[in-house]
Every structure is written in C-alpha cells, then in structure tokens.
Amino acid sequence: MAENLNQGNDEITVTLTLEDDSELECVVLTTLEADGRQYMALLPITEEGEEEEGEVYLYRYTQSEEGLPVLENIETDEEYEAAAEAFDSWLDDQEYDELITEEE
C-alpha cells in the first residue's frame, strides 16, 4: 500500500493506493495511541468530494527514517481491537465535547 499525505483547507488528506492499484482519498480524522503504537483513523471521501459517513479505516502509523509518514495494515485481530477501542474512546470524547459546546 502506498500513500500520499496532503494538507490544505485545515484538513489533512491521504491518498491510498489499494491492492488493485485503485486510489482512495481519505481525510485524516485523528492519530491515536493504543498499546504503545500509533494509529491513524481515515474517512474516505466520495467522488463528489464529500466525506462518507460510517466507514472509517484504521492503519498503524509510523514514520520513516526521513520523517515521512508510513501507514501499515493492522495484522492481527488483537491489534485491531486495541486500535478500534482507542478510536471509539476518541469518538466518545468528540461527542462529549460537542454536547458541552452546544450547552454553552
């Protein structure tokens, strides 16, 4: 899998090259940590340029020796569960922050 990281309009996007050589552009929702590893949550962008709802991709996130971002597939169910749990916790925090903002 290859990826290109782009930043603009306060959004960071990643273009993934999938196994069938097709490309998928995604918005970076967040980076998070679970069990001592870093992960990146990505939300695909539709052909119309809008973010898809409900489908989030999780990848292990590291940096190369040159400091460039590297995304890797999560290999085990246990690792995926840890990353998914960290993402769910982040999502809960976002919804809580949104509720507090609405109340103010």
Protein backbone atom coordinates (compact mmCIF):
# COMPACT_ATOMS: atom_id res chain seq x y z
CA MET A 1 0.00 0.00 0.00
CA ALA A 2 1.33 3.43 -0.89
CA GLU A 3 0.08 6.68 0.47
CA ASN A 4 0.50 10.39 -0.14
CA LEU A 5 -0.17 12.89 2.64
CA ASN A 6 -1.63 16.27 1.62
CA GLN A 7 -2.61 19.26 3.73
CA GLY A 8 -4.97 22.06 2.78
CA ASN A 9 -8.06 23.91 3.97
CA ASP A 10 -7.43 22.80 7.58
CA GLU A 11 -7.81 19.17 6.50
CA ILE A 12 -5.11 16.60 6.07
CA THR A 13 -5.86 14.04 3.39
CA VAL A 14 -4.21 10.77 2.46
CA THR A 15 -4.39 9.13 -0.94
CA LEU A 16 -4.17 5.37 -0.53
CA THR A 17 -3.16 3.09 -3.38
CA LEU A 18 -5.10 -0.11 -2.83
CA GLU A 19 -4.09 -3.66 -3.76
CA ASP A 20 -5.97 -3.41 -7.10
CA ASP A 21 -3.99 -0.19 -7.89
CA SER A 22 -7.09 1.97 -7.46
CA GLU A 23 -6.74 5.13 -5.39
CA LEU A 24 -8.87 6.21 -2.47
CA GLU A 25 -8.66 9.69 -0.99
CA CYS A 26 -9.36 9.94 2.73
CA VAL A 27 -9.50 12.67 5.37
CA VAL A 28 -7.33 12.08 8.43
CA LEU A 29 -9.72 12.15 11.39
CA THR A 30 -7.10 11.68 14.07
CA THR A 31 -3.97 9.89 15.12
CA LEU A 32 -4.21 7.92 18.33
CA GLU A 33 -2.21 5.58 20.52
CA ALA A 34 -3.04 2.07 21.68
CA ASP A 35 -0.73 -0.44 23.35
CA GLY A 36 2.32 1.71 22.66
CA ARG A 37 1.68 2.03 18.91
CA GLN A 38 0.35 4.92 16.85
CA TYR A 39 -2.68 4.59 14.58
CA MET A 40 -4.40 6.82 12.07
CA ALA A 41 -8.17 6.91 11.51
CA LEU A 42 -9.14 7.74 7.92
CA LEU A 43 -12.54 8.68 6.49
CA PRO A 44 -12.96 8.08 2.72
CA ILE A 45 -14.03 10.99 0.51
CA THR A 46 -16.71 10.32 -2.12
CA GLU A 47 -16.31 11.18 -5.79
CA GLU A 48 -18.38 14.30 -5.09
CA GLY A 49 -15.70 15.45 -2.66
CA GLU A 50 -17.75 14.79 0.47
CA GLU A 51 -16.76 12.59 3.37
CA GLU A 52 -18.53 9.24 3.51
CA GLU A 53 -20.44 8.51 6.69
CA GLY A 54 -19.96 5.36 8.72
CA GLU A 55 -16.86 3.91 7.07
CA VAL A 56 -13.58 4.57 8.88
CA TYR A 57 -10.27 2.88 8.11
CA LEU A 58 -7.67 2.28 10.81
CA TYR A 59 -3.98 1.89 9.95
CA ARG A 60 -0.83 1.57 12.01
CA TYR A 61 1.08 4.84 11.70
CA THR A 62 4.87 5.18 11.85
CA GLN A 63 7.49 7.47 10.40
CA SER A 64 10.33 6.56 8.09
CA GLU A 65 13.95 7.42 8.90
CA GLU A 66 13.43 10.55 6.79
CA GLY A 67 10.48 11.57 8.97
CA LEU A 68 7.86 10.76 6.34
CA PRO A 69 4.55 9.18 7.42
CA VAL A 70 4.12 5.47 6.76
CA LEU A 71 0.80 3.62 7.01
CA GLU A 72 0.79 -0.13 7.58
CA ASN A 73 -2.01 -2.67 7.67
CA ILE A 74 -3.04 -3.93 11.08
CA GLU A 75 -2.13 -7.61 11.02
CA THR A 76 -3.91 -9.23 13.98
CA ASP A 77 -7.41 -9.19 15.43
CA GLU A 78 -5.98 -8.27 18.84
CA GLU A 79 -4.15 -5.25 17.45
CA TYR A 80 -7.23 -4.17 15.51
CA GLU A 81 -9.40 -4.45 18.63
CA ALA A 82 -6.96 -2.25 20.59
CA ALA A 83 -6.92 0.37 17.82
CA ALA A 84 -10.72 0.25 17.42
CA GLU A 85 -11.20 0.67 21.17
CA ALA A 86 -8.89 3.71 21.18
CA PHE A 87 -10.83 5.17 18.23
CA ASP A 88 -14.17 4.55 19.98
CA SER A 89 -12.85 6.33 23.06
CA TRP A 90 -11.69 9.28 20.92
CA LEU A 91 -15.09 9.37 19.21
CA ASP A 92 -16.89 9.38 22.57
CA ASP A 93 -14.69 12.31 23.68
CA GLN A 94 -15.57 14.21 20.49
CA GLU A 95 -19.29 13.69 21.02
CA TYR A 96 -18.97 14.76 24.67
CA ASP A 97 -17.09 17.92 23.66
CA GLU A 98 -19.78 18.65 21.07
CA LEU A 99 -22.51 18.30 23.70
CA ILE A 100 -20.69 20.63 26.11
CA THR A 101 -20.22 23.21 23.35
CA GLU A 102 -23.93 23.07 22.48
CA GLU A 103 -24.92 23.62 26.12
CA GLU A 104 -22.79 26.76 26.45
